[in-house]
Amino acid sequence: YTSILRHLIAFPIAMKQHLRRERNDKEFWPVLWLSEIDAMMNARSPYMVVLTSLSMLCRPVRLKDDGLGKDLAIWSQMESCVT
């Protein structure tokens, strides 16, 4: 779940850079791994790389949900890791 949190933190940074039409990989250093930063900086749209990563990271959680809400506990777990 830390990967999801890292990418959630990276998304506003990537979006800000997209809107300002700038690229500064140093802003991502405290958040993402170097391999993730390299992939983003080599992409045409770095913010889309972050969104794609988030989608891929959340997919297993969504697929496990049986509709009864048992897997909603992931959000509680993520929140406890943040605080």
PDB file of N, CA and C in Angstrom:
ATOM      1  N   TYR A   1       0.814  -1.204   0.000  1.00  0.00           N
ATOM      2  CA  TYR A   1       0.000   0.000   0.000  1.00  0.00           C
ATOM      3  C   TYR A   1       0.853   1.261   0.000  1.00  0.00           C
ATOM      4  N   THR A   2       2.099   1.123   0.360  1.00  0.00           N
ATOM      5  CA  THR A   2       2.963   2.309   0.327  1.00  0.00           C
ATOM      6  C   THR A   2       3.178   2.795  -1.099  1.00  0.00           C
ATOM      7  N   SER A   3       3.155   1.894  -2.060  1.00  0.00           N
ATOM      8  CA  SER A   3       3.292   2.301  -3.467  1.00  0.00           C
ATOM      9  C   SER A   3       2.119   3.173  -3.886  1.00  0.00           C
ATOM     10  N   ILE A   4       0.933   2.801  -3.444  1.00  0.00           N
ATOM     11  CA  ILE A   4      -0.248   3.610  -3.769  1.00  0.00           C
ATOM     12  C   ILE A   4      -0.102   4.996  -3.164  1.00  0.00           C
ATOM     13  N   LEU A   5       0.314   5.062  -1.921  1.00  0.00           N
ATOM     14  CA  LEU A   5       0.483   6.358  -1.268  1.00  0.00           C
ATOM     15  C   LEU A   5       1.544   7.210  -1.955  1.00  0.00           C
ATOM     16  N   ARG A   6       2.645   6.588  -2.340  1.00  0.00           N
ATOM     17  CA  ARG A   6       3.710   7.329  -3.020  1.00  0.00           C
ATOM     18  C   ARG A   6       3.198   7.937  -4.319  1.00  0.00           C
ATOM     19  N   HIS A   7       2.430   7.165  -5.060  1.00  0.00           N
ATOM     20  CA  HIS A   7       1.907   7.669  -6.330  1.00  0.00           C
ATOM     21  C   HIS A   7       0.797   8.701  -6.122  1.00  0.00           C
ATOM     22  N   LEU A   8       0.021   8.555  -5.063  1.00  0.00           N
ATOM     23  CA  LEU A   8      -0.980   9.581  -4.748  1.00  0.00           C
ATOM     24  C   LEU A   8      -0.314  10.908  -4.414  1.00  0.00           C
ATOM     25  N   ILE A   9       0.813  10.858  -3.744  1.00  0.00           N
ATOM     26  CA  ILE A   9       1.562  12.078  -3.428  1.00  0.00           C
ATOM     27  C   ILE A   9       2.192  12.651  -4.693  1.00  0.00           C
ATOM     28  N   ALA A  10       2.655  11.799  -5.587  1.00  0.00           N
ATOM     29  CA  ALA A  10       3.329  12.244  -6.804  1.00  0.00           C
ATOM     30  C   ALA A  10       2.370  12.862  -7.818  1.00  0.00           C
ATOM     31  N   PHE A  11       1.102  12.454  -7.809  1.00  0.00           N
ATOM     32  CA  PHE A  11       0.183  12.927  -8.841  1.00  0.00           C
ATOM     33  C   PHE A  11       0.020  14.446  -8.871  1.00  0.00           C
ATOM     34  N   PRO A  12      -0.239  15.120  -7.744  1.00  0.00           N
ATOM     35  CA  PRO A  12      -0.380  16.583  -7.821  1.00  0.00           C
ATOM     36  C   PRO A  12       0.901  17.269  -8.306  1.00  0.00           C
ATOM     37  N   ILE A  13       2.040  16.702  -7.963  1.00  0.00           N
ATOM     38  CA  ILE A  13       3.305  17.274  -8.424  1.00  0.00           C
ATOM     39  C   ILE A  13       3.397  17.149  -9.946  1.00  0.00           C
ATOM     40  N   ALA A  14       3.068  15.970 -10.450  1.00  0.00           N
ATOM     41  CA  ALA A  14       3.107  15.746 -11.895  1.00  0.00           C
ATOM     42  C   ALA A  14       2.091  16.622 -12.616  1.00  0.00           C
ATOM     43  N   MET A  15       0.924  16.782 -12.029  1.00  0.00           N
ATOM     44  CA  MET A  15      -0.109  17.618 -12.640  1.00  0.00           C
ATOM     45  C   MET A  15       0.324  19.086 -12.660  1.00  0.00           C
ATOM     46  N   LYS A  16       0.918  19.547 -11.559  1.00  0.00           N
ATOM     47  CA  LYS A  16       1.405  20.926 -11.498  1.00  0.00           C
ATOM     48  C   LYS A  16       2.451  21.170 -12.582  1.00  0.00           C
ATOM     49  N   GLN A  17       3.376  20.239 -12.714  1.00  0.00           N
ATOM     50  CA  GLN A  17       4.411  20.387 -13.726  1.00  0.00           C
ATOM     51  C   GLN A  17       3.809  20.367 -15.133  1.00  0.00           C
ATOM     52  N   HIS A  18       2.809  19.544 -15.345  1.00  0.00           N
ATOM     53  CA  HIS A  18       2.149  19.493 -16.646  1.00  0.00           C
ATOM     54  C   HIS A  18       1.488  20.834 -16.964  1.00  0.00           C
ATOM     55  N   LEU A  19       0.758  21.379 -16.006  1.00  0.00           N
ATOM     56  CA  LEU A  19       0.063  22.645 -16.238  1.00  0.00           C
ATOM     57  C   LEU A  19       1.024  23.814 -16.436  1.00  0.00           C
ATOM     58  N   ARG A  20       2.159  23.750 -15.773  1.00  0.00           N
ATOM     59  CA  ARG A  20       3.177  24.805 -15.931  1.00  0.00           C
ATOM     60  C   ARG A  20       4.129  24.526 -17.090  1.00  0.00           C
ATOM     61  N   ARG A  21       3.950  23.378 -17.710  1.00  0.00           N
ATOM     62  CA  ARG A  21       4.807  22.952 -18.829  1.00  0.00           C
ATOM     63  C   ARG A  21       6.282  22.956 -18.450  1.00  0.00           C
ATOM     64  N   GLU A  22       6.542  22.321 -17.322  1.00  0.00           N
ATOM     65  CA  GLU A  22       7.919  22.190 -16.849  1.00  0.00           C
ATOM     66  C   GLU A  22       8.152  20.758 -16.401  1.00  0.00           C
ATOM     67  N   ARG A  23       9.405  20.389 -16.313  1.00  0.00           N
ATOM     68  CA  ARG A  23       9.779  19.063 -15.820  1.00  0.00           C
ATOM     69  C   ARG A  23      10.944  19.232 -14.860  1.00  0.00           C
ATOM     70  N   ASN A  24      10.730  18.741 -13.649  1.00  0.00           N
ATOM     71  CA  ASN A  24      11.770  18.828 -12.636  1.00  0.00           C
ATOM     72  C   ASN A  24      11.732  17.539 -11.826  1.00  0.00           C
ATOM     73  N   ASP A  25      12.624  16.626 -12.177  1.00  0.00           N
ATOM     74  CA  ASP A  25      12.613  15.328 -11.504  1.00  0.00           C
ATOM     75  C   ASP A  25      12.980  15.422 -10.031  1.00  0.00           C
ATOM     76  N   LYS A  26      13.634  16.485  -9.629  1.00  0.00           N
ATOM     77  CA  LYS A  26      14.043  16.639  -8.225  1.00  0.00           C
ATOM     78  C   LYS A  26      12.842  16.723  -7.286  1.00  0.00           C
ATOM     79  N   GLU A  27      11.724  17.212  -7.775  1.00  0.00           N
ATOM     80  CA  GLU A  27      10.525  17.291  -6.936  1.00  0.00           C
ATOM     81  C   GLU A  27      10.008  15.915  -6.544  1.00  0.00           C
ATOM     82  N   PHE A  28      10.339  14.908  -7.329  1.00  0.00           N
ATOM     83  CA  PHE A  28       9.852  13.554  -7.073  1.00  0.00           C
ATOM     84  C   PHE A  28      10.810  12.729  -6.236  1.00  0.00           C
ATOM     85  N   TRP A  29      12.022  13.199  -6.044  1.00  0.00           N
ATOM     86  CA  TRP A  29      13.035  12.425  -5.316  1.00  0.00           C
ATOM     87  C   TRP A  29      12.573  11.947  -3.942  1.00  0.00           C
ATOM     88  N   PRO A  30      11.924  12.799  -3.122  1.00  0.00           N
ATOM     89  CA  PRO A  30      11.518  12.312  -1.792  1.00  0.00           C
ATOM     90  C   PRO A  30      10.349  11.324  -1.828  1.00  0.00           C
ATOM     91  N   VAL A  31       9.697  11.206  -2.982  1.00  0.00           N
ATOM     92  CA  VAL A  31       8.454  10.438  -3.055  1.00  0.00           C
ATOM     93  C   VAL A  31       8.597   9.115  -3.809  1.00  0.00           C
ATOM     94  N   LEU A  32       9.190   9.168  -4.988  1.00  0.00           N
ATOM     95  CA  LEU A  32       9.231   7.996  -5.862  1.00  0.00           C
ATOM     96  C   LEU A  32      10.621   7.378  -5.926  1.00  0.00           C
ATOM     97  N   TRP A  33      10.671   6.150  -6.384  1.00  0.00           N
ATOM     98  CA  TRP A  33      11.944   5.484  -6.611  1.00  0.00           C
ATOM     99  C   TRP A  33      12.551   6.031  -7.893  1.00  0.00           C
ATOM    100  N   LEU A  34      13.851   5.912  -8.023  1.00  0.00           N
ATOM    101  CA  LEU A  34      14.543   6.444  -9.198  1.00  0.00           C
ATOM    102  C   LEU A  34      14.040   5.803 -10.493  1.00  0.00           C
ATOM    103  N   SER A  35      13.760   4.521 -10.477  1.00  0.00           N
ATOM    104  CA  SER A  35      13.254   3.860 -11.687  1.00  0.00           C
ATOM    105  C   SER A  35      11.892   4.428 -12.097  1.00  0.00           C
ATOM    106  N   GLU A  36      11.065   4.765 -11.111  1.00  0.00           N
ATOM    107  CA  GLU A  36       9.757   5.359 -11.408  1.00  0.00           C
ATOM    108  C   GLU A  36       9.913   6.772 -11.961  1.00  0.00           C
ATOM    109  N   ILE A  37      10.857   7.504 -11.404  1.00  0.00           N
ATOM    110  CA  ILE A  37      11.117   8.866 -11.886  1.00  0.00           C
ATOM    111  C   ILE A  37      11.634   8.819 -13.316  1.00  0.00           C
ATOM    112  N   ASP A  38      12.539   7.904 -13.592  1.00  0.00           N
ATOM    113  CA  ASP A  38      13.069   7.768 -14.958  1.00  0.00           C
ATOM    114  C   ASP A  38      11.952   7.460 -15.951  1.00  0.00           C
ATOM    115  N   ALA A  39      11.071   6.559 -15.594  1.00  0.00           N
ATOM    116  CA  ALA A  39       9.957   6.211 -16.477  1.00  0.00           C
ATOM    117  C   ALA A  39       9.070   7.429 -16.731  1.00  0.00           C
ATOM    118  N   MET A  40       8.818   8.204 -15.694  1.00  0.00           N
ATOM    119  CA  MET A  40       7.994   9.400 -15.848  1.00  0.00           C
ATOM    120  C   MET A  40       8.663  10.441 -16.733  1.00  0.00           C
ATOM    121  N   MET A  41       9.924  10.695 -16.479  1.00  0.00           N
ATOM    122  CA  MET A  41      10.620  11.743 -17.208  1.00  0.00           C
ATOM    123  C   MET A  41      10.846  11.371 -18.678  1.00  0.00           C
ATOM    124  N   ASN A  42      10.840  10.089 -18.984  1.00  0.00           N
ATOM    125  CA  ASN A  42      11.012   9.649 -20.366  1.00  0.00           C
ATOM    126  C   ASN A  42       9.688   9.580 -21.123  1.00  0.00           C
ATOM    127  N   ALA A  43       8.592   9.770 -20.427  1.00  0.00           N
ATOM    128  CA  ALA A  43       7.271   9.688 -21.043  1.00  0.00           C
ATOM    129  C   ALA A  43       6.849  11.050 -21.595  1.00  0.00           C
ATOM    130  N   ARG A  44       5.967  10.995 -22.548  1.00  0.00           N
ATOM    131  CA  ARG A  44       5.434  12.235 -23.122  1.00  0.00           C
ATOM    132  C   ARG A  44       4.569  12.978 -22.107  1.00  0.00           C
ATOM    133  N   SER A  45       3.804  12.226 -21.328  1.00  0.00           N
ATOM    134  CA  SER A  45       2.909  12.810 -20.326  1.00  0.00           C
ATOM    135  C   SER A  45       3.168  12.159 -18.970  1.00  0.00           C
ATOM    136  N   PRO A  46       4.074  12.710 -18.179  1.00  0.00           N
ATOM    137  CA  PRO A  46       4.404  12.101 -16.888  1.00  0.00           C
ATOM    138  C   PRO A  46       3.206  11.894 -15.958  1.00  0.00           C
ATOM    139  N   TYR A  47       2.258  12.819 -15.973  1.00  0.00           N
ATOM    140  CA  TYR A  47       1.106  12.663 -15.083  1.00  0.00           C
ATOM    141  C   TYR A  47       0.290  11.430 -15.455  1.00  0.00           C
ATOM    142  N   MET A  48       0.285  11.069 -16.739  1.00  0.00           N
ATOM    143  CA  MET A  48      -0.429   9.869 -17.169  1.00  0.00           C
ATOM    144  C   MET A  48       0.293   8.603 -16.703  1.00  0.00           C
ATOM    145  N   VAL A  49       1.605   8.676 -16.594  1.00  0.00           N
ATOM    146  CA  VAL A  49       2.364   7.540 -16.059  1.00  0.00           C
ATOM    147  C   VAL A  49       1.963   7.306 -14.608  1.00  0.00           C
ATOM    148  N   VAL A  50       1.811   8.388 -13.853  1.00  0.00           N
ATOM    149  CA  VAL A  50       1.396   8.263 -12.451  1.00  0.00           C
ATOM    150  C   VAL A  50      -0.017   7.689 -12.367  1.00  0.00           C
ATOM    151  N   LEU A  51      -0.928   8.187 -13.192  1.00  0.00           N
ATOM    152  CA  LEU A  51      -2.298   7.667 -13.187  1.00  0.00           C
ATOM    153  C   LEU A  51      -2.350   6.197 -13.583  1.00  0.00           C
ATOM    154  N   THR A  52      -1.565   5.827 -14.566  1.00  0.00           N
ATOM    155  CA  THR A  52      -1.520   4.433 -14.994  1.00  0.00           C
ATOM    156  C   THR A  52      -0.975   3.553 -13.877  1.00  0.00           C
ATOM    157  N   SER A  53       0.056   4.037 -13.214  1.00  0.00           N
ATOM    158  CA  SER A  53       0.621   3.279 -12.090  1.00  0.00           C
ATOM    159  C   SER A  53      -0.400   3.108 -10.978  1.00  0.00           C
ATOM    160  N   LEU A  54      -1.123   4.174 -10.660  1.00  0.00           N
ATOM    161  CA  LEU A  54      -2.160   4.083  -9.632  1.00  0.00           C
ATOM    162  C   LEU A  54      -3.236   3.075 -10.026  1.00  0.00           C
ATOM    163  N   SER A  55      -3.625   3.114 -11.262  1.00  0.00           N
ATOM    164  CA  SER A  55      -4.638   2.184 -11.741  1.00  0.00           C
ATOM    165  C   SER A  55      -4.162   0.743 -11.603  1.00  0.00           C
ATOM    166  N   MET A  56      -2.924   0.492 -11.987  1.00  0.00           N
ATOM    167  CA  MET A  56      -2.372  -0.857 -11.897  1.00  0.00           C
ATOM    168  C   MET A  56      -2.224  -1.304 -10.446  1.00  0.00           C
ATOM    169  N   LEU A  57      -1.844  -0.383  -9.572  1.00  0.00           N
ATOM    170  CA  LEU A  57      -1.651  -0.722  -8.165  1.00  0.00           C
ATOM    171  C   LEU A  57      -2.979  -1.000  -7.459  1.00  0.00           C
ATOM    172  N   CYS A  58      -4.034  -0.295  -7.854  1.00  0.00           N
ATOM    173  CA  CYS A  58      -5.341  -0.465  -7.207  1.00  0.00           C
ATOM    174  C   CYS A  58      -6.139  -1.627  -7.784  1.00  0.00           C
ATOM    175  N   ARG A  59      -5.791  -2.077  -8.937  1.00  0.00           N
ATOM    176  CA  ARG A  59      -6.549  -3.142  -9.607  1.00  0.00           C
ATOM    177  C   ARG A  59      -6.705  -4.410  -8.764  1.00  0.00           C
ATOM    178  N   PRO A  60      -5.636  -4.939  -8.159  1.00  0.00           N
ATOM    179  CA  PRO A  60      -5.821  -6.160  -7.350  1.00  0.00           C
ATOM    180  C   PRO A  60      -6.786  -5.965  -6.182  1.00  0.00           C
ATOM    181  N   VAL A  61      -6.788  -4.793  -5.595  1.00  0.00           N
ATOM    182  CA  VAL A  61      -7.693  -4.518  -4.476  1.00  0.00           C
ATOM    183  C   VAL A  61      -9.130  -4.511  -4.976  1.00  0.00           C
ATOM    184  N   ARG A  62      -9.349  -3.860  -6.097  1.00  0.00           N
ATOM    185  CA  ARG A  62     -10.699  -3.785  -6.643  1.00  0.00           C
ATOM    186  C   ARG A  62     -11.207  -5.167  -7.045  1.00  0.00           C
ATOM    187  N   LEU A  63     -10.353  -5.978  -7.605  1.00  0.00           N
ATOM    188  CA  LEU A  63     -10.761  -7.313  -8.044  1.00  0.00           C
ATOM    189  C   LEU A  63     -11.103  -8.228  -6.871  1.00  0.00           C
ATOM    190  N   LYS A  64     -10.489  -7.976  -5.705  1.00  0.00           N
ATOM    191  CA  LYS A  64     -10.774  -8.802  -4.525  1.00  0.00           C
ATOM    192  C   LYS A  64     -12.114  -8.467  -3.886  1.00  0.00           C
ATOM    193  N   ASP A  65     -12.636  -7.280  -4.140  1.00  0.00           N
ATOM    194  CA  ASP A  65     -13.873  -6.859  -3.486  1.00  0.00           C
ATOM    195  C   ASP A  65     -15.038  -7.721  -3.964  1.00  0.00           C
ATOM    196  N   ASP A  66     -15.763  -8.281  -3.014  1.00  0.00           N
ATOM    197  CA  ASP A  66     -16.889  -9.157  -3.342  1.00  0.00           C
ATOM    198  C   ASP A  66     -18.230  -8.426  -3.262  1.00  0.00           C
ATOM    199  N   GLY A  67     -18.186  -7.123  -3.095  1.00  0.00           N
ATOM    200  CA  GLY A  67     -19.412  -6.344  -3.012  1.00  0.00           C
ATOM    201  C   GLY A  67     -19.955  -6.202  -1.608  1.00  0.00           C
ATOM    202  N   LEU A  68     -19.364  -6.904  -0.650  1.00  0.00           N
ATOM    203  CA  LEU A  68     -19.834  -6.838   0.731  1.00  0.00           C
ATOM    204  C   LEU A  68     -19.066  -5.801   1.559  1.00  0.00           C
ATOM    205  N   GLY A  69     -18.068  -5.177   0.957  1.00  0.00           N
ATOM    206  CA  GLY A  69     -17.331  -4.131   1.646  1.00  0.00           C
ATOM    207  C   GLY A  69     -16.193  -4.614   2.518  1.00  0.00           C
ATOM    208  N   LYS A  70     -15.889  -5.905   2.454  1.00  0.00           N
ATOM    209  CA  LYS A  70     -14.819  -6.436   3.303  1.00  0.00           C
ATOM    210  C   LYS A  70     -13.473  -5.795   2.985  1.00  0.00           C
ATOM    211  N   ASP A  71     -13.245  -5.536   1.718  1.00  0.00           N
ATOM    212  CA  ASP A  71     -11.951  -4.995   1.320  1.00  0.00           C
ATOM    213  C   ASP A  71     -11.869  -3.479   1.435  1.00  0.00           C
ATOM    214  N   LEU A  72     -12.917  -2.855   1.932  1.00  0.00           N
ATOM    215  CA  LEU A  72     -12.849  -1.416   2.161  1.00  0.00           C
ATOM    216  C   LEU A  72     -11.897  -1.087   3.304  1.00  0.00           C
ATOM    217  N   ALA A  73     -11.505  -2.088   4.039  1.00  0.00           N
ATOM    218  CA  ALA A  73     -10.562  -1.883   5.142  1.00  0.00           C
ATOM    219  C   ALA A  73      -9.210  -1.397   4.647  1.00  0.00           C
ATOM    220  N   ILE A  74      -8.944  -1.556   3.360  1.00  0.00           N
ATOM    221  CA  ILE A  74      -7.669  -1.060   2.821  1.00  0.00           C
ATOM    222  C   ILE A  74      -7.523   0.433   3.069  1.00  0.00           C
ATOM    223  N   TRP A  75      -8.620   1.165   2.966  1.00  0.00           N
ATOM    224  CA  TRP A  75      -8.539   2.619   3.147  1.00  0.00           C
ATOM    225  C   TRP A  75      -8.213   2.948   4.600  1.00  0.00           C
ATOM    226  N   SER A  76      -8.733   2.169   5.525  1.00  0.00           N
ATOM    227  CA  SER A  76      -8.394   2.363   6.938  1.00  0.00           C
ATOM    228  C   SER A  76      -6.914   2.068   7.155  1.00  0.00           C
ATOM    229  N   GLN A  77      -6.428   1.016   6.528  1.00  0.00           N
ATOM    230  CA  GLN A  77      -5.024   0.649   6.651  1.00  0.00           C
ATOM    231  C   GLN A  77      -4.126   1.743   6.068  1.00  0.00           C
ATOM    232  N   MET A  78      -4.503   2.268   4.904  1.00  0.00           N
ATOM    233  CA  MET A  78      -3.705   3.332   4.283  1.00  0.00           C
ATOM    234  C   MET A  78      -3.706   4.576   5.156  1.00  0.00           C
ATOM    235  N   GLU A  79      -4.861   4.899   5.731  1.00  0.00           N
ATOM    236  CA  GLU A  79      -4.947   6.080   6.581  1.00  0.00           C
ATOM    237  C   GLU A  79      -4.078   5.925   7.820  1.00  0.00           C
ATOM    238  N   SER A  80      -4.042   4.735   8.401  1.00  0.00           N
ATOM    239  CA  SER A  80      -3.216   4.523   9.591  1.00  0.00           C
ATOM    240  C   SER A  80      -1.727   4.612   9.260  1.00  0.00           C
ATOM    241  N   CYS A  81      -1.352   4.288   8.021  1.00  0.00           N
ATOM    242  CA  CYS A  81       0.053   4.406   7.611  1.00  0.00           C
ATOM    243  C   CYS A  81       0.460   5.851   7.396  1.00  0.00           C
ATOM    244  N   VAL A  82      -0.486   6.687   7.037  1.00  0.00           N
ATOM    245  CA  VAL A  82      -0.191   8.091   6.786  1.00  0.00           C
ATOM    246  C   VAL A  82       0.009   8.864   8.091  1.00  0.00           C
ATOM    247  N   THR A  83      -0.804   8.549   9.072  1.00  0.00           N
ATOM    248  CA  THR A  83      -0.735   9.317  10.319  1.00  0.00           C
ATOM    249  C   THR A  83       0.343   8.840  11.243  1.00  0.00           C
TER     250      THR A  83
END
